[in-house]
Amino acid sequence: MNQNFQAIVQNTREDNTSNDQTFLLGGVLIVFNLFVMLFVGLYWMNPVMHEFISGRPLL
């Protein structure tokens, strides 16, 4: 019985590590997605930034 309990506790600890990594990866993806949306929005709406990146004025 004691060995079963120790096995359950060990599995729970291993799952927490995986859970932490999942939250970290999810957070990184959300931040990256927000950065891309901000960049694309500024590229399309800001004539100065569009001309700096593409070399052509925004039509």
N, C-alpha and C. Protein backbone atom coordinates (compact mmCIF):
# COMPACT_ATOMS: atom_id res chain seq x y z
N MET A 1 0.83 -1.20 0.00
CA MET A 1 0.00 0.00 0.00
C MET A 1 0.87 1.26 0.00
N ASN A 2 1.91 1.25 0.79
CA ASN A 2 2.81 2.40 0.88
C ASN A 2 3.50 2.65 -0.46
N GLN A 3 3.88 1.58 -1.17
CA GLN A 3 4.53 1.73 -2.47
C GLN A 3 3.57 2.33 -3.49
N ASN A 4 2.30 1.95 -3.42
CA ASN A 4 1.32 2.52 -4.34
C ASN A 4 1.16 4.02 -4.10
N PHE A 5 1.12 4.40 -2.84
CA PHE A 5 1.00 5.83 -2.51
C PHE A 5 2.21 6.61 -3.01
N GLN A 6 3.40 6.05 -2.83
CA GLN A 6 4.61 6.73 -3.29
C GLN A 6 4.62 6.85 -4.82
N ALA A 7 4.12 5.84 -5.51
CA ALA A 7 4.06 5.90 -6.97
C ALA A 7 3.09 6.99 -7.42
N ILE A 8 1.97 7.13 -6.72
CA ILE A 8 0.99 8.18 -7.06
C ILE A 8 1.59 9.56 -6.83
N VAL A 9 2.29 9.74 -5.72
CA VAL A 9 2.92 11.03 -5.42
C VAL A 9 3.98 11.35 -6.46
N GLN A 10 4.76 10.36 -6.86
CA GLN A 10 5.81 10.59 -7.85
C GLN A 10 5.19 10.97 -9.20
N ASN A 11 4.14 10.31 -9.61
CA ASN A 11 3.47 10.65 -10.86
C ASN A 11 2.90 12.05 -10.81
N THR A 12 2.36 12.46 -9.67
CA THR A 12 1.81 13.80 -9.53
C THR A 12 2.91 14.84 -9.68
N ARG A 13 4.05 14.60 -9.09
CA ARG A 13 5.16 15.55 -9.22
C ARG A 13 5.63 15.66 -10.67
N GLU A 14 5.69 14.55 -11.37
CA GLU A 14 6.10 14.58 -12.77
C GLU A 14 5.08 15.34 -13.62
N ASP A 15 3.81 15.18 -13.32
CA ASP A 15 2.77 15.88 -14.07
C ASP A 15 2.85 17.38 -13.84
N ASN A 16 3.21 17.83 -12.65
CA ASN A 16 3.31 19.26 -12.38
C ASN A 16 4.40 19.90 -13.24
N THR A 17 5.50 19.22 -13.45
CA THR A 17 6.56 19.75 -14.29
C THR A 17 6.05 19.92 -15.72
N SER A 18 5.35 18.94 -16.21
CA SER A 18 4.81 19.03 -17.55
C SER A 18 3.77 20.14 -17.64
N ASN A 19 2.97 20.29 -16.59
CA ASN A 19 1.95 21.33 -16.54
C ASN A 19 2.60 22.72 -16.56
N ASP A 20 3.68 22.89 -15.82
CA ASP A 20 4.39 24.18 -15.81
C ASP A 20 4.95 24.50 -17.19
N GLN A 21 5.49 23.50 -17.85
CA GLN A 21 6.03 23.72 -19.19
C GLN A 21 4.92 24.07 -20.18
N THR A 22 3.76 23.49 -20.00
CA THR A 22 2.63 23.79 -20.87
C THR A 22 2.19 25.23 -20.71
N PHE A 23 2.10 25.69 -19.46
CA PHE A 23 1.73 27.08 -19.22
C PHE A 23 2.78 28.04 -19.76
N LEU A 24 4.04 27.70 -19.61
CA LEU A 24 5.11 28.55 -20.12
C LEU A 24 5.05 28.64 -21.65
N LEU A 25 4.88 27.52 -22.32
CA LEU A 25 4.79 27.52 -23.77
C LEU A 25 3.55 28.28 -24.24
N GLY A 26 2.43 28.10 -23.55
CA GLY A 26 1.22 28.83 -23.89
C GLY A 26 1.40 30.33 -23.75
N GLY A 27 2.06 30.75 -22.66
CA GLY A 27 2.32 32.18 -22.46
C GLY A 27 3.23 32.75 -23.53
N VAL A 28 4.25 32.01 -23.90
CA VAL A 28 5.16 32.47 -24.95
C VAL A 28 4.42 32.61 -26.28
N LEU A 29 3.55 31.66 -26.59
CA LEU A 29 2.80 31.74 -27.84
C LEU A 29 1.84 32.92 -27.85
N ILE A 30 1.22 33.21 -26.71
CA ILE A 30 0.31 34.35 -26.64
C ILE A 30 1.07 35.65 -26.84
N VAL A 31 2.22 35.79 -26.18
CA VAL A 31 3.02 37.01 -26.33
C VAL A 31 3.51 37.16 -27.76
N PHE A 32 3.96 36.07 -28.37
CA PHE A 32 4.41 36.13 -29.76
C PHE A 32 3.27 36.53 -30.70
N ASN A 33 2.09 35.97 -30.46
CA ASN A 33 0.93 36.29 -31.29
C ASN A 33 0.56 37.77 -31.15
N LEU A 34 0.59 38.30 -29.94
CA LEU A 34 0.30 39.73 -29.75
C LEU A 34 1.33 40.60 -30.45
N PHE A 35 2.60 40.20 -30.40
CA PHE A 35 3.65 40.95 -31.09
C PHE A 35 3.42 40.97 -32.59
N VAL A 36 3.07 39.81 -33.17
CA VAL A 36 2.83 39.74 -34.62
C VAL A 36 1.62 40.59 -35.00
N MET A 37 0.55 40.54 -34.20
CA MET A 37 -0.64 41.34 -34.50
C MET A 37 -0.33 42.83 -34.43
N LEU A 38 0.46 43.24 -33.44
CA LEU A 38 0.84 44.64 -33.32
C LEU A 38 1.72 45.07 -34.50
N PHE A 39 2.68 44.23 -34.86
CA PHE A 39 3.56 44.55 -35.98
C PHE A 39 2.78 44.69 -37.28
N VAL A 40 1.87 43.75 -37.57
CA VAL A 40 1.10 43.79 -38.80
C VAL A 40 0.17 45.00 -38.81
N GLY A 41 -0.45 45.29 -37.66
CA GLY A 41 -1.32 46.46 -37.58
C GLY A 41 -0.57 47.75 -37.84
N LEU A 42 0.60 47.89 -37.24
CA LEU A 42 1.39 49.10 -37.47
C LEU A 42 1.90 49.16 -38.91
N TYR A 43 2.24 48.02 -39.47
CA TYR A 43 2.74 47.98 -40.85
C TYR A 43 1.66 48.44 -41.82
N TRP A 44 0.41 48.04 -41.59
CA TRP A 44 -0.66 48.40 -42.50
C TRP A 44 -1.19 49.82 -42.27
N MET A 45 -1.12 50.32 -41.03
CA MET A 45 -1.76 51.59 -40.72
C MET A 45 -0.81 52.77 -40.59
N ASN A 46 0.45 52.52 -40.36
CA ASN A 46 1.41 53.60 -40.14
C ASN A 46 2.24 53.79 -41.41
N PRO A 47 2.04 54.90 -42.13
CA PRO A 47 2.76 55.10 -43.40
C PRO A 47 4.27 55.15 -43.23
N VAL A 48 4.76 55.71 -42.14
CA VAL A 48 6.21 55.83 -41.95
C VAL A 48 6.83 54.45 -41.77
N MET A 49 6.20 53.61 -40.95
CA MET A 49 6.75 52.27 -40.73
C MET A 49 6.65 51.43 -42.00
N HIS A 50 5.57 51.57 -42.73
CA HIS A 50 5.41 50.80 -43.98
C HIS A 50 6.48 51.18 -44.99
N GLU A 51 6.74 52.47 -45.09
CA GLU A 51 7.76 52.91 -46.05
C GLU A 51 9.15 52.50 -45.59
N PHE A 52 9.40 52.49 -44.28
CA PHE A 52 10.71 52.09 -43.77
C PHE A 52 10.99 50.61 -44.07
N ILE A 53 9.97 49.77 -43.93
CA ILE A 53 10.17 48.34 -44.12
C ILE A 53 10.16 47.96 -45.59
N SER A 54 9.17 48.45 -46.34
CA SER A 54 9.01 48.00 -47.72
C SER A 54 9.73 48.89 -48.73
N GLY A 55 10.00 50.14 -48.37
CA GLY A 55 10.65 51.06 -49.29
C GLY A 55 9.67 51.78 -50.20
N ARG A 56 8.38 51.45 -50.09
CA ARG A 56 7.36 52.12 -50.90
C ARG A 56 6.37 52.80 -50.00
N PRO A 57 5.79 53.90 -50.42
CA PRO A 57 4.78 54.57 -49.58
C PRO A 57 3.50 53.75 -49.50
N LEU A 58 2.79 53.93 -48.41
CA LEU A 58 1.51 53.25 -48.21
C LEU A 58 0.46 53.86 -49.14
N LEU A 59 -0.21 53.03 -49.92
CA LEU A 59 -1.21 53.55 -50.88
C LEU A 59 -2.52 53.78 -50.21
